[in-house]
Protein backbone atom coordinates (compact mmCIF):
# COMPACT_ATOMS: atom_id res chain seq x y z
CA MET A 1 7.94 -10.03 -12.18
CA LEU A 2 5.14 -11.18 -14.43
CA PHE A 3 6.94 -10.37 -17.63
CA ASP A 4 10.47 -11.18 -18.75
CA LEU A 5 11.72 -7.82 -20.03
CA ARG A 6 14.83 -9.48 -21.43
CA GLY A 7 12.84 -10.84 -24.39
CA ARG A 8 13.85 -8.62 -27.28
CA GLY A 9 10.57 -9.10 -29.11
CA ARG A 10 8.38 -7.91 -26.26
CA ARG A 11 10.63 -5.39 -24.45
CA ARG A 12 9.10 -2.24 -26.01
CA THR A 13 5.50 -3.39 -25.55
CA VAL A 14 6.01 -4.34 -21.91
CA GLN A 15 7.90 -1.17 -21.05
CA THR A 16 5.30 1.02 -22.74
CA ILE A 17 2.12 -0.66 -21.54
CA TYR A 18 3.23 -2.23 -18.27
CA VAL A 19 5.43 0.37 -16.67
CA GLY A 20 5.17 -0.59 -13.04
CA LEU A 21 3.76 -4.07 -13.67
CA ALA A 22 6.28 -5.22 -11.10
CA LEU A 23 3.64 -4.22 -8.59
CA LEU A 24 2.04 -7.59 -9.30
CA MET A 25 4.79 -9.35 -7.37
CA GLY A 26 5.57 -6.57 -4.93
CA VAL A 27 8.80 -5.48 -6.64
CA GLY A 28 7.30 -2.11 -7.49
CA LEU A 29 6.87 -1.39 -3.80
CA ILE A 30 10.54 -1.14 -2.88
CA GLY A 31 12.02 2.27 -2.22
CA PHE A 32 8.71 3.74 -1.01
CA GLY A 33 8.55 6.08 -4.02
CA ILE A 34 5.65 6.26 -6.41
CA GLY A 35 6.71 4.54 -9.60
CA GLY A 36 5.45 2.65 -12.60
CA GLY A 37 1.71 2.38 -12.91
CA LEU A 38 1.19 4.61 -9.89
CA GLY A 39 2.94 7.65 -11.33
CA GLY A 40 6.42 9.12 -10.85
CA GLY A 41 8.07 10.71 -7.86
CA GLY A 42 5.81 10.67 -4.84
CA LEU A 43 5.71 12.23 -1.41
CA LEU A 44 7.93 9.63 0.18
CA THR A 45 10.57 9.85 -2.53
CA ALA A 46 10.53 13.63 -2.47
CA ALA A 47 10.84 13.68 1.29
CA SER A 48 13.82 11.32 1.23
CA ASN A 49 15.68 13.87 -0.91
CA SER A 50 14.74 16.86 1.24
CA GLU A 51 17.01 18.91 3.48
CA GLY A 52 16.83 18.99 7.27
CA SER A 53 14.98 22.30 7.25
CA SER A 54 12.24 20.70 5.17
CA SER A 55 12.00 17.80 7.62
CA ALA A 56 11.56 20.30 10.42
CA SER A 57 8.83 21.95 8.37
CA PHE A 58 7.02 18.63 7.97
CA ALA A 59 7.23 18.03 11.71
CA ASN A 60 5.70 21.45 12.33
CA GLN A 61 2.92 20.72 9.85
CA ILE A 62 2.19 17.44 11.60
CA LYS A 63 1.86 19.18 14.93
CA LYS A 64 -0.34 21.83 13.36
CA TYR A 65 -2.76 19.35 11.82
CA GLN A 66 -2.72 17.06 14.84
CA LYS A 67 -4.01 19.97 16.89
CA LEU A 68 -6.58 20.76 14.22
CA VAL A 69 -8.00 17.22 13.99
CA ALA A 70 -8.11 17.03 17.77
CA LYS A 71 -10.21 20.18 17.75
CA GLU A 72 -12.19 19.31 14.59
CA PRO A 73 -12.28 15.49 14.28
CA ASN A 74 -14.83 15.64 11.46
CA ASN A 75 -12.68 17.90 9.30
CA ALA A 76 -11.79 15.63 6.37
CA LYS A 77 -9.47 18.21 4.82
CA ALA A 78 -7.48 18.42 8.03
CA TRP A 79 -7.07 14.62 8.14
CA GLU A 80 -6.00 14.66 4.50
CA SER A 81 -3.40 17.34 5.22
CA LEU A 82 -2.15 15.46 8.28
CA THR A 83 -1.75 12.28 6.23
CA SER A 84 0.16 14.18 3.56
CA ALA A 85 2.49 15.82 6.10
CA GLN A 86 3.18 12.47 7.78
CA LEU A 87 3.98 10.87 4.42
CA HIS A 88 6.47 13.65 3.71
CA GLU A 89 8.03 13.10 7.13
CA ALA A 90 8.21 9.34 6.54
CA GLY A 91 10.78 9.80 3.78
CA GLY A 92 13.42 11.09 6.22
CA GLU A 93 16.58 9.14 7.04
CA ALA A 94 15.33 8.33 10.54
CA PHE A 95 12.38 6.44 9.06
CA VAL A 96 13.75 4.81 5.90
CA SER A 97 17.24 3.35 5.59
CA ASN A 98 18.49 1.69 2.40
CA GLY A 99 14.92 1.46 1.14
CA LYS A 100 13.66 -0.28 4.29
CA LEU A 101 11.62 0.96 7.21
CA THR A 102 13.37 1.51 10.51
CA GLY A 103 11.65 0.95 13.84
CA LYS A 104 10.66 4.61 13.89
CA GLY A 105 9.48 4.28 10.32
CA LYS A 106 7.08 1.47 11.19
CA GLU A 107 5.71 3.54 14.05
CA LEU A 108 5.23 6.55 11.79
CA PHE A 109 3.65 4.40 9.08
CA SER A 110 1.17 3.21 11.69
CA GLN A 111 0.31 6.83 12.42
CA VAL A 112 -0.05 7.51 8.68
CA ALA A 113 -2.43 4.56 8.40
CA HIS A 114 -4.47 5.88 11.34
CA SER A 115 -4.73 9.32 9.75
CA TRP A 116 -5.67 7.87 6.37
CA ASN A 117 -8.33 5.61 7.87
CA SER A 118 -9.73 8.53 9.87
CA TYR A 119 -9.88 10.53 6.63
CA LEU A 120 -11.72 7.76 4.77
CA ALA A 121 -14.11 7.23 7.68
CA LEU A 122 -15.49 10.70 6.97
CA ASN A 123 -16.50 9.53 3.48
CA PRO A 124 -14.89 12.29 1.40
CA PRO A 125 -16.82 12.52 -1.90
CA LYS A 126 -13.62 12.16 -3.91
CA PRO A 127 -10.72 10.66 -1.88
CA SER A 128 -7.31 12.03 -2.77
CA LEU A 129 -5.89 9.96 -5.62
CA MET A 130 -2.37 11.14 -4.84
CA LEU A 131 -2.59 9.98 -1.22
CA ALA A 132 -4.23 6.71 -2.23
CA LYS A 133 -1.27 5.93 -4.48
CA GLU A 134 1.12 6.68 -1.63
CA MET A 135 -0.86 4.48 0.74
CA VAL A 136 -0.21 1.45 -1.49
CA ARG A 137 3.40 1.78 -0.35
CA VAL A 138 2.39 2.15 3.26
CA PHE A 139 0.21 -0.96 3.25
CA GLY A 140 2.44 -2.97 0.91
CA GLU A 141 4.93 -5.70 1.78
CA GLU A 142 7.76 -3.22 2.28
CA GLY A 143 5.55 -1.19 4.62
CA LEU A 144 2.96 -2.44 7.12
CA ASN A 145 2.18 -5.54 5.03
CA GLN A 146 -1.59 -5.21 5.27
CA PRO A 147 -2.91 -6.62 1.95
CA ALA A 148 -6.58 -6.03 2.78
CA ALA A 149 -5.85 -2.34 3.34
CA ALA A 150 -3.81 -2.25 0.11
CA VAL A 151 -6.85 -3.63 -1.70
CA GLN A 152 -8.98 -0.79 -0.33
CA VAL A 153 -6.65 1.94 -1.58
CA LEU A 154 -6.10 0.24 -4.93
CA GLN A 155 -9.86 0.18 -5.42
CA ILE A 156 -9.78 3.97 -5.12
CA VAL A 157 -6.92 4.19 -7.61
CA VAL A 158 -8.43 1.89 -10.26
CA ALA A 159 -11.75 3.73 -10.02
CA ALA A 160 -9.88 6.88 -11.08
CA GLU A 161 -7.66 5.12 -13.64
CA PRO A 162 -9.85 2.29 -14.99
CA GLN A 163 -7.78 1.57 -18.10
CA SER A 164 -4.58 0.46 -16.36
CA ALA A 165 -3.89 -3.27 -16.66
CA SER A 166 -0.96 -2.97 -14.25
CA LEU A 167 -3.13 -1.42 -11.53
CA PHE A 168 -5.77 -4.13 -11.87
CA GLY A 169 -2.96 -6.68 -11.76
CA ALA A 170 -1.73 -5.14 -8.51
CA LEU A 171 -5.27 -5.20 -7.15
CA ALA A 172 -5.54 -8.89 -8.03
CA GLU A 173 -2.25 -9.63 -6.26
CA TYR A 174 -3.21 -7.96 -3.01
CA ALA A 175 -6.74 -9.34 -3.09
CA TYR A 176 -5.36 -12.87 -3.35
CA LYS A 177 -2.93 -12.17 -0.52
CA ALA A 178 -5.82 -10.86 1.56
CA LYS A 179 -7.71 -14.11 0.81
CA ASN A 180 -10.38 -12.13 -1.06
CA THR A 181 -10.59 -14.55 -3.96
CA ARG A 182 -13.65 -13.04 -5.60
CA GLU A 183 -12.08 -9.56 -5.74
CA GLY A 184 -8.84 -11.08 -6.98
CA ASP A 185 -10.58 -13.00 -9.77
CA LEU A 186 -12.50 -9.92 -10.91
CA ALA A 187 -9.36 -7.76 -10.92
CA ALA A 188 -7.35 -10.45 -12.70
CA ALA A 189 -9.99 -10.78 -15.42
CA LYS A 190 -10.03 -7.01 -15.87
CA ALA A 191 -6.23 -6.87 -16.07
CA VAL A 192 -6.23 -9.54 -18.77
CA SER A 193 -8.98 -7.79 -20.75
CA LEU A 194 -7.01 -4.53 -20.74
CA ALA A 195 -3.75 -6.17 -21.78
CA PRO A 196 -2.60 -6.22 -25.42
CA SER A 197 -3.91 -9.35 -27.14
CA SER A 198 -0.37 -10.69 -27.54
CA GLU A 199 0.14 -10.65 -23.76
CA ARG A 200 -3.23 -11.85 -22.49
CA THR A 201 -2.47 -15.56 -22.39
CA ARG A 202 0.79 -14.99 -20.57
CA LEU A 203 -0.75 -12.58 -18.06
CA LYS A 204 -3.71 -14.86 -17.39
CA LYS A 205 -1.38 -17.78 -16.73
CA GLU A 206 0.87 -15.88 -14.36
CA LEU A 207 -2.03 -14.40 -12.40
CA ALA A 208 -3.44 -17.90 -12.04
CA GLU A 209 -0.05 -19.11 -10.80
CA LEU A 210 0.04 -16.25 -8.30
CA LYS A 211 -3.42 -17.19 -7.03
CA LYS A 212 -2.40 -20.83 -6.71
CA SER A 213 0.83 -19.93 -4.92
CA VAL A 214 -0.94 -17.76 -2.36
CA SER A 215 -3.64 -20.39 -1.80
CA ALA A 216 -1.07 -23.16 -1.39
CA SER A 217 0.78 -21.18 1.27
CA GLY A 218 -2.21 -21.52 3.58
CA GLY A 219 -1.89 -17.89 4.60
CA GLU A 220 1.01 -16.09 6.23
CA THR A 221 1.42 -15.88 9.99
CA LEU A 222 1.40 -12.21 10.91
CA THR A 223 1.55 -10.15 14.07
CA ALA A 224 -0.87 -7.30 14.62
CA THR A 225 -0.53 -4.63 17.27
CA THR A 226 -3.76 -3.00 18.39
CA GLY A 227 -5.01 -1.52 21.63
CA GLY A 228 -1.66 -2.14 23.32
CA LYS A 229 -1.70 -5.88 22.57
CA THR A 230 0.21 -7.98 20.04
CA VAL A 231 -1.78 -10.78 18.43
CA GLN A 232 -0.61 -13.57 16.13
CA VAL A 233 -3.02 -13.66 13.20
CA LYS A 234 -3.59 -15.38 9.91
CA PRO A 235 -5.44 -13.92 6.92
CA GLY A 236 -9.00 -15.18 6.65
CA ALA A 237 -11.72 -14.82 4.07
CA ASN A 238 -12.43 -11.45 2.42
CA GLY A 239 -9.44 -9.71 3.98
CA THR A 240 -10.28 -10.61 7.58
CA PHE A 241 -7.82 -11.94 10.16
CA THR A 242 -8.08 -14.56 12.88
CA GLY A 243 -6.06 -14.25 16.11
CA THR A 244 -4.34 -17.01 18.03
CA THR A 245 -2.32 -15.62 20.96
CA THR A 246 -2.02 -12.30 22.74
CA THR A 247 0.77 -10.54 24.64
CA THR A 248 0.89 -7.03 26.04
CA THR A 249 3.15 -4.47 24.35
CA PRO A 250 3.16 -0.67 24.20
CA ALA A 251 0.68 0.64 21.65
CA PRO A 252 2.19 2.69 18.78
CA LYS A 253 1.83 6.42 19.00
CA GLY A 254 -1.38 7.50 17.30
CA GLY A 255 -3.42 4.54 18.52
CA SER A 256 -3.34 2.68 15.21
CA SER A 257 -2.74 -0.97 14.50
CA THR A 258 0.13 -2.47 12.56
CA THR A 259 0.56 -5.77 10.81
CA THR A 260 3.96 -7.19 9.95
CA LYS A 261 5.37 -10.52 8.81
CA LYS A 262 6.47 -12.89 11.51
């Protein structure tokens, strides 16, 4: 975490202003619930506490909206509803166990990502803020581990909540991980400017250390599945990826791509 909450002198300030600042180091992503700076509860958390009958209802909704988007592929509202239903479904025991994705969970998350991207591709005038917050979990380290995609959804969130230092800190983190240094620097500067004056020096230092740490790592080796092929990739500039080898594997249901740590 960026702040030591054990310090008695700063505990109240940090808890009040930086609820959810753990997002900066990925800690806020565990559990797949919406917490801290991204709000309380969340579709995934609610779904994990639901009864079997509710899970069946989510499955029925998914089928309903899958049929609708197949018939009306340019219906943004239908894609939004499909994404929401899939997120509810993703909180079930078959998809998340002890706060971690199962094999089925990764497959479903890939389908969620496909639905979300299809929704955004239609350029909705005001993308759903609630879904964008949920998608941070989907694209985060505990989900599909796609930092460039996490940057995209966090840009939607910070546009709607421009006074949150923790959100800009999270944006800086994922931008650095996606090798988008310019975006990371801009978000880091914004996070520092929004922080209380007593915390700015500390925050600036720790964001700089995060940037240095990510840069020194030389980029993670990841595997991406797309079009029925698995490719070893490394993050490149501005959130791009470069491939090295390819092997054939079954494509995930929904035709989307996934990226996970190797």
